[in-house]
């Protein structure tokens, strides 16, 4: 497949190619050049001067794990029978036939992180997935992190049952206990592997097994937190155990933007176009993302679908622009930034030779963030999922 006569926003160090072409092969980007290609295959697409850019990425959703039009039957997001469940895996609860996947594709969203919820101090493993496919195993890019939650959500769930945790102290203590156990488990495993004659392997523990890649920094620690003090707690725990942290929501990040920047911790901002539905969100402001960015924090924008329907991701970024985010930075918060934050930038997030052919095409003069804009073409892994050209 070859697309030519396009304004290509590569979202890489190549910047913008005013008039160029891109060739795909076997689901990958084979070549990107300026000008006109010498050879035109019969299935080539004339972009007619339109804007070609990477598919959008939503770095925090519950897509497919909370299904559309269903209540309990389709809600597999929180295993709220145990406040510490790192062994839960989002891929085991995602239904790829949820129609919201199609709504994501219709708005150029080609990749999402679908996450367990925030009912528990630790909810489980987050999956970075493509939005095209019929079997989650084929859609999976990687299991990219473990979901932790601080603040009101775990408190409210377990306070109603008169069970631990009902305070921020208890939430943090549960996380710390789980990580200490996992660290000791790793130590005991290492002792056994290095000297099996004198050491026995520890008794199998599925929770510790799930946390081992986290302690090795092979995956990241995603902390649901809104308040500034909870953000600091997330960073404190991460330092204590040598984790690679990401702040999810970060509603009061604006109050400590310089501190977050000093710690070099990225923030997934959002949802933005929602009400202040609980006390810890009373500081919700559209300027949050802008302040974080101006202080040097790497940011991206999320919908937290189903809180905000997935197709309104570009509108959420427009809201951040209204709050002061640089327009030049806006598209990065939907492409390369979330790819880097999720640790999937080797395969997606920019239009670069060798990466997956995840891209979208807009009519000439269209604004991809505008509510009325829709892509003429959406391609995911080389598969054309939407075409109106």
Protein backbone atom coordinates (compact mmCIF):
# COMPACT_ATOMS: atom_id res chain seq x y z
CA UNK A 1 0.00 0.00 0.00
CA UNK A 2 1.25 3.47 -0.91
CA UNK A 3 -0.22 6.83 0.14
CA UNK A 4 1.09 9.88 -1.72
CA UNK A 5 0.51 13.62 -2.07
CA UNK A 6 0.15 13.95 1.72
CA UNK A 7 1.25 16.43 4.36
CA UNK A 8 2.94 13.94 6.70
CA UNK A 9 3.19 14.75 10.40
CA UNK A 10 5.73 12.13 11.40
CA UNK A 11 5.82 13.02 15.14
CA UNK A 12 9.49 12.05 14.95
CA UNK A 13 12.68 14.06 14.55
CA UNK A 14 11.87 14.29 10.83
CA UNK A 15 9.09 16.71 11.70
CA UNK A 16 6.59 17.59 8.96
CA UNK A 17 7.02 16.48 5.35
CA UNK A 18 4.93 19.04 3.39
CA UNK A 19 4.37 16.84 0.36
CA UNK A 20 5.36 13.24 0.74
CA UNK A 21 4.49 9.61 0.45
CA UNK A 22 4.51 6.58 2.69
CA UNK A 23 4.67 2.92 1.75
CA UNK A 24 3.58 0.00 3.93
CA UNK A 25 4.37 -3.69 3.65
CA UNK A 26 3.39 -6.63 5.84
CA UNK A 27 1.81 -4.33 8.39
CA UNK A 28 4.91 -2.15 8.78
CA UNK A 29 6.02 1.21 7.44
CA UNK A 30 8.50 0.43 4.67
CA UNK A 31 9.44 3.93 3.50
CA UNK A 32 8.64 7.61 4.04
CA UNK A 33 9.90 10.15 1.54
CA UNK A 34 9.16 13.62 0.20
CA UNK A 35 8.06 14.31 -3.35
CA UNK A 36 6.38 11.80 -5.66
CA UNK A 37 7.22 8.09 -5.75
CA UNK A 38 8.61 6.68 -8.99
CA UNK A 39 6.41 3.61 -8.99
CA UNK A 40 2.71 3.70 -8.19
CA UNK A 41 1.06 0.38 -7.31
CA UNK A 42 -2.52 -0.01 -8.51
CA UNK A 43 -3.87 0.26 -4.95
CA UNK A 44 -2.10 3.57 -4.24
CA UNK A 45 -4.13 6.30 -2.50
CA UNK A 46 -3.94 9.95 -3.48
CA UNK A 47 -4.21 11.92 -0.21
CA UNK A 48 -5.02 15.08 -2.23
CA UNK A 49 -2.92 17.24 0.09
CA UNK A 50 -4.53 15.89 3.23
CA UNK A 51 -2.85 15.47 6.61
CA UNK A 52 -1.39 12.04 7.38
CA UNK A 53 -0.36 11.39 10.97
CA UNK A 54 0.05 8.51 13.42
CA UNK A 55 -2.99 6.89 14.96
CA UNK A 56 -4.04 8.40 18.26
CA UNK A 57 -3.21 6.64 21.54
CA UNK A 58 -5.28 6.81 24.72
CA UNK A 59 -2.95 5.91 27.58
CA UNK A 60 -5.64 5.25 30.19
CA UNK A 61 -8.99 3.62 29.48
CA UNK A 62 -11.17 0.73 30.55
CA UNK A 63 -12.06 -0.05 26.95
CA UNK A 64 -13.61 -3.50 26.57
CA UNK A 65 -13.24 -4.33 30.25
CA UNK A 66 -16.26 -2.13 31.06
CA UNK A 67 -18.59 -2.91 28.16
CA UNK A 68 -21.03 -0.58 26.47
CA UNK A 69 -24.74 -0.73 27.39
CA UNK A 70 -24.18 -3.27 30.16
CA UNK A 71 -24.09 -3.03 33.94
CA UNK A 72 -22.66 -5.79 36.14
CA UNK A 73 -22.73 -8.30 33.27
CA UNK A 74 -20.12 -6.39 31.30
CA UNK A 75 -18.13 -4.83 34.13
CA UNK A 76 -14.97 -6.88 34.70
CA UNK A 77 -12.84 -3.94 35.80
CA UNK A 78 -12.54 -4.41 39.58
CA UNK A 79 -12.06 -7.63 41.53
CA UNK A 80 -13.12 -5.84 44.71
CA UNK A 81 -13.13 -8.92 46.94
CA UNK A 82 -9.47 -8.42 47.83
CA UNK A 83 -7.78 -5.00 48.07
CA UNK A 84 -4.47 -6.24 46.62
CA UNK A 85 -4.75 -8.14 43.33
CA UNK A 86 -1.63 -7.69 41.14
CA UNK A 87 -2.28 -11.13 39.62
CA UNK A 88 -5.38 -9.88 37.75
CA UNK A 89 -4.75 -9.30 34.05
CA UNK A 90 -6.81 -6.88 31.99
CA UNK A 91 -6.55 -9.07 28.89
CA UNK A 92 -8.61 -11.73 30.67
CA UNK A 93 -11.53 -9.32 31.01
CA UNK A 94 -11.49 -7.38 27.71
CA UNK A 95 -14.20 -8.09 25.13
CA UNK A 96 -12.88 -6.99 21.71
CA UNK A 97 -16.42 -7.14 20.30
CA UNK A 98 -17.52 -4.19 22.43
CA UNK A 99 -18.78 -1.65 19.90
CA UNK A 100 -16.69 1.09 21.50
CA UNK A 101 -13.66 -0.36 19.72
CA UNK A 102 -15.31 0.63 16.45
CA UNK A 103 -16.06 4.09 17.85
CA UNK A 104 -12.40 4.42 18.77
CA UNK A 105 -11.30 3.50 15.26
CA UNK A 106 -13.80 5.93 13.73
CA UNK A 107 -11.95 8.76 15.47
CA UNK A 108 -8.48 7.58 14.54
CA UNK A 109 -7.64 5.95 17.88
CA UNK A 110 -5.51 2.95 17.00
CA UNK A 111 -4.03 2.03 20.39
CA UNK A 112 -5.20 2.19 24.00
CA UNK A 113 -4.06 1.08 27.41
CA UNK A 114 -6.98 -0.81 28.95
CA UNK A 115 -6.63 -1.01 32.69
CA UNK A 116 -8.14 -2.66 35.74
CA UNK A 117 -10.02 -0.18 37.90
CA UNK A 118 -9.13 1.73 41.04
CA UNK A 119 -11.27 -0.05 43.64
CA UNK A 120 -8.21 -1.83 45.00
CA UNK A 121 -4.86 -0.61 46.31
CA UNK A 122 -3.48 -2.79 43.51
CA UNK A 123 -5.84 -3.70 40.71
CA UNK A 124 -3.71 -5.76 38.32
CA UNK A 125 -1.90 -5.73 35.01
CA UNK A 126 -2.57 -3.12 32.32
CA UNK A 127 -2.71 -4.11 28.64
CA UNK A 128 -1.57 -1.88 25.77
CA UNK A 129 -3.66 -3.07 22.83
CA UNK A 130 -4.58 -2.17 19.27
CA UNK A 131 -8.21 -1.26 18.68
CA UNK A 132 -8.56 -3.63 15.72
CA UNK A 133 -9.05 -7.36 16.02
CA UNK A 134 -11.31 -10.18 17.15
CA UNK A 135 -9.00 -11.91 19.63
CA UNK A 136 -7.28 -9.99 22.40
CA UNK A 137 -4.12 -12.09 22.08
CA UNK A 138 -3.69 -10.77 18.53
CA UNK A 139 -4.44 -7.17 19.59
CA UNK A 140 -2.00 -7.11 22.50
CA UNK A 141 1.13 -5.02 22.10
CA UNK A 142 2.42 -5.71 25.60
CA UNK A 143 1.35 -5.90 29.22
CA UNK A 144 2.83 -2.56 30.13
CA UNK A 145 2.37 -2.09 33.86
CA UNK A 146 0.68 -2.71 37.19
CA UNK A 147 -2.23 -0.53 38.32
CA UNK A 148 -2.15 0.92 41.84
CA UNK A 149 -4.74 3.27 43.33
CA UNK A 150 -4.37 5.85 46.09
CA UNK A 151 -7.00 8.04 47.69
CA UNK A 152 -10.76 7.92 47.80
CA UNK A 153 -11.65 5.01 45.53
CA UNK A 154 -10.19 2.17 47.64
CA UNK A 155 -11.28 4.00 50.82
CA UNK A 156 -14.89 4.20 49.68
CA UNK A 157 -15.08 0.60 48.48
CA UNK A 158 -13.75 -0.98 51.66
CA UNK A 159 -15.17 1.54 54.16
CA UNK A 160 -18.65 0.35 53.20
CA UNK A 161 -17.64 -3.16 54.22
CA UNK A 162 -15.73 -2.13 57.33
CA UNK A 163 -12.65 -3.84 55.93
CA UNK A 164 -9.08 -2.69 55.39
CA UNK A 165 -8.18 -0.28 53.81
CA UNK A 166 -10.27 2.67 54.94
CA UNK A 167 -7.44 5.21 55.24
CA UNK A 168 -4.64 6.45 53.03
CA UNK A 169 -2.22 4.96 55.55
CA UNK A 170 -3.71 1.50 55.11
CA UNK A 171 -3.76 1.74 51.30
CA UNK A 172 -0.08 2.62 51.25
CA UNK A 173 0.75 -0.04 53.83
CA UNK A 174 -0.93 -2.71 51.69
CA UNK A 175 1.08 -1.64 48.65
CA UNK A 176 4.29 -1.55 50.67
CA UNK A 177 3.60 -4.98 52.17
CA UNK A 178 2.92 -6.51 48.76
CA UNK A 179 6.10 -5.05 47.28
CA UNK A 180 8.23 -6.13 50.25
CA UNK A 181 6.89 -9.68 49.94
CA UNK A 182 7.62 -9.69 46.22
CA UNK A 183 11.14 -8.36 46.78
CA UNK A 184 11.83 -11.10 49.34
CA UNK A 185 10.31 -13.65 46.95
CA UNK A 186 12.73 -12.51 44.24
CA UNK A 187 15.62 -12.79 46.69
CA UNK A 188 14.62 -16.33 47.67
CA UNK A 189 14.25 -17.31 44.01
CA UNK A 190 17.70 -15.91 43.24
CA UNK A 191 19.19 -17.83 46.16
CA UNK A 192 17.63 -21.05 44.91
CA UNK A 193 18.81 -20.56 41.32
CA UNK A 194 22.35 -19.69 42.42
CA UNK A 195 22.65 -22.54 44.94
CA UNK A 196 19.88 -25.12 44.57
CA UNK A 197 21.71 -27.59 46.82
CA UNK A 198 21.47 -25.37 49.89
CA UNK A 199 18.31 -23.39 49.18
CA UNK A 200 14.75 -24.44 48.41
CA UNK A 201 12.55 -22.41 46.08
CA UNK A 202 9.91 -20.31 47.84
CA UNK A 203 6.35 -21.55 47.82
CA UNK A 204 4.64 -20.38 44.64
CA UNK A 205 2.90 -17.01 45.12
CA UNK A 206 0.94 -15.69 42.15
CA UNK A 207 0.87 -12.14 43.53
CA UNK A 208 4.64 -12.03 43.94
CA UNK A 209 5.10 -13.54 40.49
CA UNK A 210 2.98 -10.74 38.99
CA UNK A 211 5.10 -8.09 40.70
CA UNK A 212 8.50 -9.48 39.71
CA UNK A 213 8.65 -7.68 36.31
CA UNK A 214 7.71 -4.45 38.11
CA UNK A 215 10.60 -4.74 40.55
CA UNK A 216 12.93 -5.48 37.62
CA UNK A 217 11.63 -2.30 35.88
CA UNK A 218 10.53 -4.35 32.88
CA UNK A 219 7.07 -2.81 33.29
CA UNK A 220 5.89 0.41 34.94
CA UNK A 221 3.90 1.27 38.07
CA UNK A 222 0.76 3.23 37.17
CA UNK A 223 -0.60 5.12 40.18
CA UNK A 224 -4.20 6.35 40.12
CA UNK A 225 -4.09 9.56 42.15
CA UNK A 226 -5.73 12.97 42.04
CA UNK A 227 -4.56 14.90 45.11
CA UNK A 228 -1.07 16.39 45.32
CA UNK A 229 -0.29 14.49 48.52
CA UNK A 230 -1.25 11.19 46.86
CA UNK A 231 1.03 12.00 43.93
CA UNK A 232 3.87 12.50 46.41
CA UNK A 233 3.03 9.18 48.06
CA UNK A 234 3.24 7.46 44.68
CA UNK A 235 6.66 8.96 44.08
CA UNK A 236 7.80 8.02 47.60
CA UNK A 237 6.80 4.37 47.18
CA UNK A 238 8.44 4.28 43.77
CA UNK A 239 11.73 5.58 45.19
CA UNK A 240 11.57 3.10 48.06
CA UNK A 241 11.29 0.11 45.72
CA UNK A 242 13.08 1.43 42.65
CA UNK A 243 9.94 1.44 40.50
CA UNK A 244 9.39 3.20 37.18
CA UNK A 245 6.29 5.28 38.02
CA UNK A 246 3.54 6.93 35.97
CA UNK A 247 0.90 9.19 37.50
CA UNK A 248 -2.61 8.58 36.20
CA UNK A 249 -5.04 11.55 36.41
CA UNK A 250 -2.73 13.87 38.43
CA UNK A 251 -5.59 16.34 38.90
CA UNK A 252 -3.67 18.48 41.40
CA UNK A 253 -0.37 18.06 39.58
CA UNK A 254 -0.41 21.79 38.88
CA UNK A 255 0.21 22.44 42.60
CA UNK A 256 3.50 20.50 42.58
CA UNK A 257 4.45 20.62 38.89
CA UNK A 258 8.06 21.57 39.70
CA UNK A 259 8.41 18.64 42.10
CA UNK A 260 7.01 16.16 39.58
CA UNK A 261 9.36 17.56 36.94
CA UNK A 262 12.33 17.22 39.29
CA UNK A 263 11.44 13.55 39.82
CA UNK A 264 11.03 13.07 36.03
CA UNK A 265 7.70 11.29 36.46
CA UNK A 266 5.23 11.44 33.51
CA UNK A 267 1.55 12.25 34.01
CA UNK A 268 -1.47 10.92 32.12
CA UNK A 269 -3.90 13.84 32.49
CA UNK A 270 -7.64 13.33 32.43
CA UNK A 271 -10.49 12.99 32.21
CA UNK A 272 -10.86 16.70 31.45
CA UNK A 273 -14.39 17.21 30.14
CA UNK A 274 -16.20 15.85 33.17
CA UNK A 275 -17.69 17.12 36.41
CA UNK A 276 -15.89 17.29 39.74
CA UNK A 277 -17.65 14.15 40.89
CA UNK A 278 -15.79 13.63 44.18
CA UNK A 279 -13.92 15.75 46.72
CA UNK A 280 -10.42 14.83 45.53
CA UNK A 281 -11.33 16.20 42.07
CA UNK A 282 -12.33 19.63 43.31
CA UNK A 283 -9.06 20.97 41.93
CA UNK A 284 -9.86 19.89 38.36
CA UNK A 285 -8.80 22.67 35.97
CA UNK A 286 -8.21 22.69 32.22
CA UNK A 287 -4.90 24.46 32.83
CA UNK A 288 -3.40 21.46 34.65
CA UNK A 289 -1.85 19.84 31.57
CA UNK A 290 -0.44 23.18 30.41
CA UNK A 291 1.19 23.94 33.75
CA UNK A 292 2.71 20.47 33.95
CA UNK A 293 4.09 20.76 30.41
CA UNK A 294 5.51 24.24 30.99
CA UNK A 295 7.36 22.87 34.02
CA UNK A 296 8.94 20.13 31.92
CA UNK A 297 6.71 17.17 32.82
CA UNK A 298 6.03 14.68 30.03
CA UNK A 299 2.26 14.50 29.64
CA UNK A 300 -0.44 12.88 27.59
CA UNK A 301 -4.24 13.15 27.69
CA UNK A 302 -6.70 10.34 28.40
CA UNK A 303 -10.47 9.85 28.42
CA UNK A 304 -10.61 7.26 31.20
CA UNK A 305 -13.26 5.61 29.00
CA UNK A 306 -16.03 4.90 29.97
CA UNK A 307 -15.91 8.08 32.08
CA UNK A 308 -15.57 10.03 28.83
CA UNK A 309 -16.49 8.06 25.69
CA UNK A 310 -13.36 7.04 23.82
CA UNK A 311 -14.25 8.97 20.64
CA UNK A 312 -13.92 12.26 22.54
CA UNK A 313 -10.19 11.88 23.10
CA UNK A 314 -9.33 14.60 20.53
CA UNK A 315 -11.95 16.88 22.10
CA UNK A 316 -10.29 16.32 25.48
CA UNK A 317 -7.01 17.54 24.01
CA UNK A 318 -8.81 20.59 22.62
CA UNK A 319 -9.97 21.30 26.16
CA UNK A 320 -6.35 21.16 27.33
CA UNK A 321 -5.40 23.60 24.55
CA UNK A 322 -8.14 25.92 25.78
CA UNK A 323 -6.51 25.63 29.19
CA UNK A 324 -3.21 26.89 27.77
CA UNK A 325 -1.46 23.83 26.35
CA UNK A 326 0.70 24.71 23.35
CA UNK A 327 -0.99 23.73 20.11
CA UNK A 328 2.35 22.37 18.90
CA UNK A 329 2.39 20.01 21.88
CA UNK A 330 -1.24 18.92 21.55
CA UNK A 331 -0.75 16.24 18.91
CA UNK A 332 2.24 14.85 20.82
CA UNK A 333 -0.06 14.15 23.76
CA UNK A 334 -2.03 11.82 21.47
CA UNK A 335 0.84 10.11 19.66
CA UNK A 336 4.50 9.87 20.61
CA UNK A 337 4.12 10.97 24.25
CA UNK A 338 1.64 8.24 25.27
CA UNK A 339 3.68 5.70 23.29
CA UNK A 340 6.78 6.60 25.29
CA UNK A 341 4.90 6.68 28.60
CA UNK A 342 3.44 3.22 27.94
CA UNK A 343 6.79 1.89 26.72
CA UNK A 344 5.50 0.99 23.24
CA UNK A 345 7.28 3.67 21.21
CA UNK A 346 9.44 1.09 19.46
CA UNK A 347 6.39 -0.04 17.50
CA UNK A 348 3.95 2.88 17.39
CA UNK A 349 3.43 6.59 18.16
CA UNK A 350 5.22 8.05 15.14
CA UNK A 351 5.48 7.48 11.42
CA UNK A 352 8.92 5.91 11.18
CA UNK A 353 10.35 3.18 8.98
CA UNK A 354 10.01 -0.18 10.67
CA UNK A 355 7.17 0.78 12.99
CA UNK A 356 3.65 -0.60 12.75
CA UNK A 357 1.53 0.95 10.00
CA UNK A 358 -0.84 2.72 12.41
CA UNK A 359 -1.97 5.95 10.76
CA UNK A 360 -4.87 8.19 9.84
CA UNK A 361 -5.58 10.64 7.03
CA UNK A 362 -7.63 13.85 7.20
CA UNK A 363 -8.99 16.04 4.45
CA UNK A 364 -6.81 19.00 3.47
CA UNK A 365 -7.34 21.89 5.86
CA UNK A 366 -9.07 19.79 8.53
CA UNK A 367 -8.12 20.05 12.19
CA UNK A 368 -7.72 16.52 13.63
CA UNK A 369 -8.75 17.79 17.08
CA UNK A 370 -11.98 19.42 15.91
CA UNK A 371 -15.20 17.83 17.10
CA UNK A 372 -16.57 17.71 13.56
CA UNK A 373 -13.45 16.14 12.03
CA UNK A 374 -13.27 12.46 11.18
CA UNK A 375 -10.44 10.66 9.38
CA UNK A 376 -10.90 9.67 5.77
CA UNK A 377 -8.62 6.68 6.27
CA UNK A 378 -7.61 4.70 9.35
CA UNK A 379 -4.99 1.96 9.17
CA UNK A 380 -3.96 -0.31 12.05
CA UNK A 381 -1.06 -2.69 11.54
CA UNK A 382 -1.49 -2.25 7.80
CA UNK A 383 -5.19 -3.16 7.92
CA UNK A 384 -7.54 -0.51 6.53
CA UNK A 385 -10.24 -0.15 9.19
CA UNK A 386 -11.95 2.91 7.77
CA UNK A 387 -11.89 4.38 4.29
CA UNK A 388 -13.77 7.28 2.73
CA UNK A 389 -11.32 8.25 -0.01
